Amino acid sequence: MVLSMKLIKVFAAITCMAALLGGSALAADKTCCEKAAAEGKQCTHKCCVAAHKEGKSCEKCNPNKEDLALIKQGKQAEKGDQKTAK
């Protein structure tokens, strides 16, 4: 009985550690637009460029519309730079 309780605790601890490590690994994945923004550039994928010209999000590369948030942040930063230049 005591041995089985110890095994259950060990199994639970291993499962929790695996979930934490796996979750952080999945969260580290960035979209192509996020990678380009981190380098201070615009995404050069054809599908993203076409979607951004229309003011839309590329659903293939950014299913959660992460690229629209990056575009808005970029426009706000440009406005801030223009205000400080005056």
N, C-alpha and C. Protein backbone atom coordinates (compact mmCIF):
# COMPACT_ATOMS: atom_id res chain seq x y z
N MET A 1 0.82 -1.19 0.00
CA MET A 1 0.00 0.00 0.00
C MET A 1 0.87 1.26 0.00
N VAL A 2 1.90 1.29 0.84
CA VAL A 2 2.77 2.46 0.94
C VAL A 2 3.56 2.62 -0.34
N LEU A 3 4.00 1.51 -0.91
CA LEU A 3 4.77 1.56 -2.15
C LEU A 3 3.93 2.13 -3.29
N SER A 4 2.67 1.74 -3.38
CA SER A 4 1.82 2.24 -4.46
C SER A 4 1.55 3.74 -4.29
N MET A 5 1.45 4.24 -3.08
CA MET A 5 1.24 5.68 -2.84
C MET A 5 2.49 6.46 -3.28
N LYS A 6 3.66 5.91 -3.00
CA LYS A 6 4.89 6.57 -3.42
C LYS A 6 4.98 6.61 -4.93
N LEU A 7 4.60 5.54 -5.58
CA LEU A 7 4.62 5.51 -7.04
C LEU A 7 3.65 6.53 -7.64
N ILE A 8 2.50 6.67 -7.03
CA ILE A 8 1.51 7.64 -7.50
C ILE A 8 2.07 9.06 -7.36
N LYS A 9 2.73 9.34 -6.23
CA LYS A 9 3.30 10.68 -6.01
C LYS A 9 4.42 10.96 -7.01
N VAL A 10 5.26 9.97 -7.27
CA VAL A 10 6.35 10.14 -8.22
C VAL A 10 5.77 10.35 -9.63
N PHE A 11 4.79 9.57 -9.98
CA PHE A 11 4.16 9.71 -11.29
C PHE A 11 3.50 11.09 -11.44
N ALA A 12 2.85 11.56 -10.41
CA ALA A 12 2.21 12.87 -10.45
C ALA A 12 3.26 13.98 -10.60
N ALA A 13 4.36 13.86 -9.89
CA ALA A 13 5.42 14.87 -9.98
C ALA A 13 6.03 14.90 -11.37
N ILE A 14 6.29 13.74 -11.95
CA ILE A 14 6.86 13.66 -13.29
C ILE A 14 5.88 14.24 -14.31
N THR A 15 4.61 13.94 -14.16
CA THR A 15 3.60 14.46 -15.07
C THR A 15 3.52 15.98 -15.01
N CYS A 16 3.56 16.54 -13.81
CA CYS A 16 3.52 17.99 -13.66
C CYS A 16 4.75 18.66 -14.27
N MET A 17 5.91 18.08 -14.06
CA MET A 17 7.14 18.64 -14.62
C MET A 17 7.09 18.59 -16.15
N ALA A 18 6.61 17.49 -16.69
CA ALA A 18 6.51 17.36 -18.15
C ALA A 18 5.54 18.39 -18.72
N ALA A 19 4.44 18.63 -18.02
CA ALA A 19 3.46 19.61 -18.49
C ALA A 19 4.05 21.02 -18.46
N LEU A 20 4.80 21.34 -17.43
CA LEU A 20 5.41 22.67 -17.34
C LEU A 20 6.47 22.87 -18.43
N LEU A 21 7.29 21.88 -18.64
CA LEU A 21 8.33 21.99 -19.67
C LEU A 21 7.72 22.01 -21.07
N GLY A 22 6.73 21.20 -21.29
CA GLY A 22 6.07 21.17 -22.60
C GLY A 22 5.32 22.45 -22.90
N GLY A 23 4.69 23.03 -21.90
CA GLY A 23 3.95 24.27 -22.08
C GLY A 23 4.87 25.43 -22.43
N SER A 24 6.01 25.50 -21.79
CA SER A 24 6.94 26.59 -22.09
C SER A 24 7.57 26.42 -23.46
N ALA A 25 7.75 25.19 -23.89
CA ALA A 25 8.30 24.95 -25.22
C ALA A 25 7.31 25.36 -26.30
N LEU A 26 6.04 25.11 -26.09
CA LEU A 26 5.02 25.50 -27.06
C LEU A 26 4.83 27.00 -27.09
N ALA A 27 4.95 27.65 -25.97
CA ALA A 27 4.76 29.10 -25.91
C ALA A 27 5.89 29.85 -26.59
N ALA A 28 7.02 29.22 -26.77
CA ALA A 28 8.18 29.88 -27.36
C ALA A 28 8.07 30.01 -28.88
N ASP A 29 7.14 29.30 -29.51
CA ASP A 29 6.99 29.38 -30.96
C ASP A 29 6.46 30.75 -31.34
N LYS A 30 7.16 31.41 -32.26
CA LYS A 30 6.73 32.72 -32.74
C LYS A 30 6.32 32.60 -34.20
N THR A 31 5.43 33.46 -34.60
CA THR A 31 5.02 33.48 -35.99
C THR A 31 6.08 34.19 -36.82
N CYS A 32 5.96 34.08 -38.12
CA CYS A 32 6.94 34.72 -39.01
C CYS A 32 6.91 36.24 -38.84
N CYS A 33 5.74 36.80 -38.60
CA CYS A 33 5.61 38.25 -38.42
C CYS A 33 6.25 38.69 -37.10
N GLU A 34 6.08 37.88 -36.06
CA GLU A 34 6.69 38.21 -34.77
C GLU A 34 8.21 38.14 -34.84
N LYS A 35 8.73 37.16 -35.57
CA LYS A 35 10.18 37.04 -35.74
C LYS A 35 10.74 38.25 -36.49
N ALA A 36 10.03 38.66 -37.55
CA ALA A 36 10.48 39.80 -38.33
C ALA A 36 10.42 41.08 -37.50
N ALA A 37 9.37 41.26 -36.71
CA ALA A 37 9.24 42.45 -35.87
C ALA A 37 10.33 42.49 -34.82
N ALA A 38 10.74 41.34 -34.32
CA ALA A 38 11.82 41.29 -33.32
C ALA A 38 13.14 41.77 -33.93
N GLU A 39 13.29 41.57 -35.23
CA GLU A 39 14.50 42.02 -35.93
C GLU A 39 14.34 43.45 -36.45
N GLY A 40 13.17 44.06 -36.22
CA GLY A 40 12.91 45.42 -36.67
C GLY A 40 12.57 45.51 -38.15
N LYS A 41 12.04 44.43 -38.70
CA LYS A 41 11.73 44.37 -40.13
C LYS A 41 10.26 44.03 -40.31
N GLN A 42 9.81 44.11 -41.55
CA GLN A 42 8.48 43.67 -41.93
C GLN A 42 8.56 42.23 -42.43
N CYS A 43 7.51 41.46 -42.25
CA CYS A 43 7.47 40.08 -42.74
C CYS A 43 7.46 40.10 -44.27
N THR A 44 8.23 39.20 -44.88
CA THR A 44 8.34 39.17 -46.34
C THR A 44 7.58 38.01 -46.98
N HIS A 45 6.82 37.25 -46.20
CA HIS A 45 6.03 36.17 -46.79
C HIS A 45 4.95 36.78 -47.69
N LYS A 46 4.76 36.20 -48.86
CA LYS A 46 3.80 36.75 -49.83
C LYS A 46 2.40 36.84 -49.24
N CYS A 47 2.00 35.81 -48.51
CA CYS A 47 0.64 35.81 -47.96
C CYS A 47 0.48 36.91 -46.90
N CYS A 48 1.50 37.16 -46.12
CA CYS A 48 1.44 38.19 -45.09
C CYS A 48 1.47 39.59 -45.70
N VAL A 49 2.31 39.78 -46.71
CA VAL A 49 2.41 41.08 -47.37
C VAL A 49 1.06 41.44 -47.99
N ALA A 50 0.43 40.48 -48.69
CA ALA A 50 -0.86 40.74 -49.33
C ALA A 50 -1.93 41.06 -48.29
N ALA A 51 -1.94 40.33 -47.18
CA ALA A 51 -2.94 40.57 -46.14
C ALA A 51 -2.71 41.92 -45.47
N HIS A 52 -1.48 42.28 -45.22
CA HIS A 52 -1.17 43.54 -44.55
C HIS A 52 -1.52 44.73 -45.43
N LYS A 53 -1.37 44.60 -46.76
CA LYS A 53 -1.75 45.68 -47.67
C LYS A 53 -3.23 45.99 -47.57
N GLU A 54 -4.02 44.94 -47.32
CA GLU A 54 -5.47 45.10 -47.19
C GLU A 54 -5.87 45.48 -45.76
N GLY A 55 -4.89 45.56 -44.87
CA GLY A 55 -5.19 45.88 -43.47
C GLY A 55 -5.74 44.70 -42.70
N LYS A 56 -5.47 43.50 -43.19
CA LYS A 56 -5.98 42.28 -42.58
C LYS A 56 -4.84 41.46 -42.00
N SER A 57 -5.22 40.38 -41.35
CA SER A 57 -4.25 39.45 -40.79
C SER A 57 -4.14 38.23 -41.69
N CYS A 58 -2.94 37.72 -41.83
CA CYS A 58 -2.73 36.48 -42.59
C CYS A 58 -3.18 35.33 -41.70
N GLU A 59 -4.29 34.70 -42.06
CA GLU A 59 -4.85 33.64 -41.23
C GLU A 59 -4.00 32.37 -41.28
N LYS A 60 -3.23 32.19 -42.33
CA LYS A 60 -2.39 31.00 -42.45
C LYS A 60 -1.24 31.04 -41.45
N CYS A 61 -0.57 32.18 -41.37
CA CYS A 61 0.62 32.31 -40.51
C CYS A 61 0.28 32.80 -39.11
N ASN A 62 -0.82 33.52 -38.96
CA ASN A 62 -1.18 34.14 -37.69
C ASN A 62 -2.64 33.82 -37.35
N PRO A 63 -2.94 32.60 -36.95
CA PRO A 63 -4.33 32.23 -36.70
C PRO A 63 -4.99 33.04 -35.57
N ASN A 64 -4.20 33.57 -34.66
CA ASN A 64 -4.75 34.37 -33.56
C ASN A 64 -4.58 35.87 -33.80
N LYS A 65 -4.27 36.24 -35.03
CA LYS A 65 -4.12 37.63 -35.46
C LYS A 65 -3.04 38.38 -34.68
N GLU A 66 -1.92 37.69 -34.43
CA GLU A 66 -0.81 38.31 -33.72
C GLU A 66 -0.19 39.44 -34.53
N ASP A 67 -0.23 39.30 -35.86
CA ASP A 67 0.41 40.30 -36.71
C ASP A 67 -0.29 41.65 -36.66
N LEU A 68 -1.61 41.67 -36.45
CA LEU A 68 -2.32 42.95 -36.37
C LEU A 68 -1.88 43.73 -35.14
N ALA A 69 -1.63 43.05 -34.04
CA ALA A 69 -1.14 43.73 -32.83
C ALA A 69 0.24 44.33 -33.08
N LEU A 70 1.08 43.62 -33.82
CA LEU A 70 2.42 44.13 -34.13
C LEU A 70 2.35 45.35 -35.04
N ILE A 71 1.43 45.31 -36.00
CA ILE A 71 1.27 46.44 -36.92
C ILE A 71 0.80 47.68 -36.16
N LYS A 72 -0.16 47.49 -35.25
CA LYS A 72 -0.66 48.62 -34.46
C LYS A 72 0.44 49.20 -33.58
N GLN A 73 1.25 48.33 -32.99
CA GLN A 73 2.35 48.81 -32.14
C GLN A 73 3.36 49.59 -32.98
N GLY A 74 3.62 49.14 -34.19
CA GLY A 74 4.56 49.82 -35.07
C GLY A 74 4.05 51.20 -35.47
N LYS A 75 2.75 51.31 -35.75
CA LYS A 75 2.18 52.60 -36.12
C LYS A 75 2.20 53.56 -34.94
N GLN A 76 1.93 53.05 -33.73
CA GLN A 76 1.96 53.91 -32.55
C GLN A 76 3.38 54.39 -32.28
N ALA A 77 4.36 53.53 -32.51
CA ALA A 77 5.76 53.92 -32.30
C ALA A 77 6.16 54.99 -33.31
N GLU A 78 5.68 54.87 -34.55
CA GLU A 78 5.99 55.88 -35.57
C GLU A 78 5.39 57.23 -35.20
N LYS A 79 4.16 57.21 -34.68
CA LYS A 79 3.51 58.45 -34.27
C LYS A 79 4.28 59.09 -33.12
N GLY A 80 4.75 58.29 -32.20
CA GLY A 80 5.53 58.79 -31.06
C GLY A 80 6.84 59.39 -31.52
N ASP A 81 7.46 58.78 -32.53
CA ASP A 81 8.72 59.31 -33.07
C ASP A 81 8.49 60.63 -33.77
N GLN A 82 7.36 60.76 -34.46
CA GLN A 82 7.05 62.00 -35.16
C GLN A 82 6.79 63.14 -34.17
N LYS A 83 6.13 62.82 -33.05
CA LYS A 83 5.85 63.85 -32.04
C LYS A 83 7.13 64.35 -31.39
N THR A 84 8.07 63.44 -31.13
CA THR A 84 9.31 63.85 -30.48
C THR A 84 10.22 64.58 -31.45
N ALA A 85 10.05 64.37 -32.76
CA ALA A 85 10.89 65.04 -33.74
C ALA A 85 10.47 66.50 -33.95
N LYS A 86 9.23 66.83 -33.59
CA LYS A 86 8.73 68.20 -33.81
C LYS A 86 9.27 69.16 -32.82
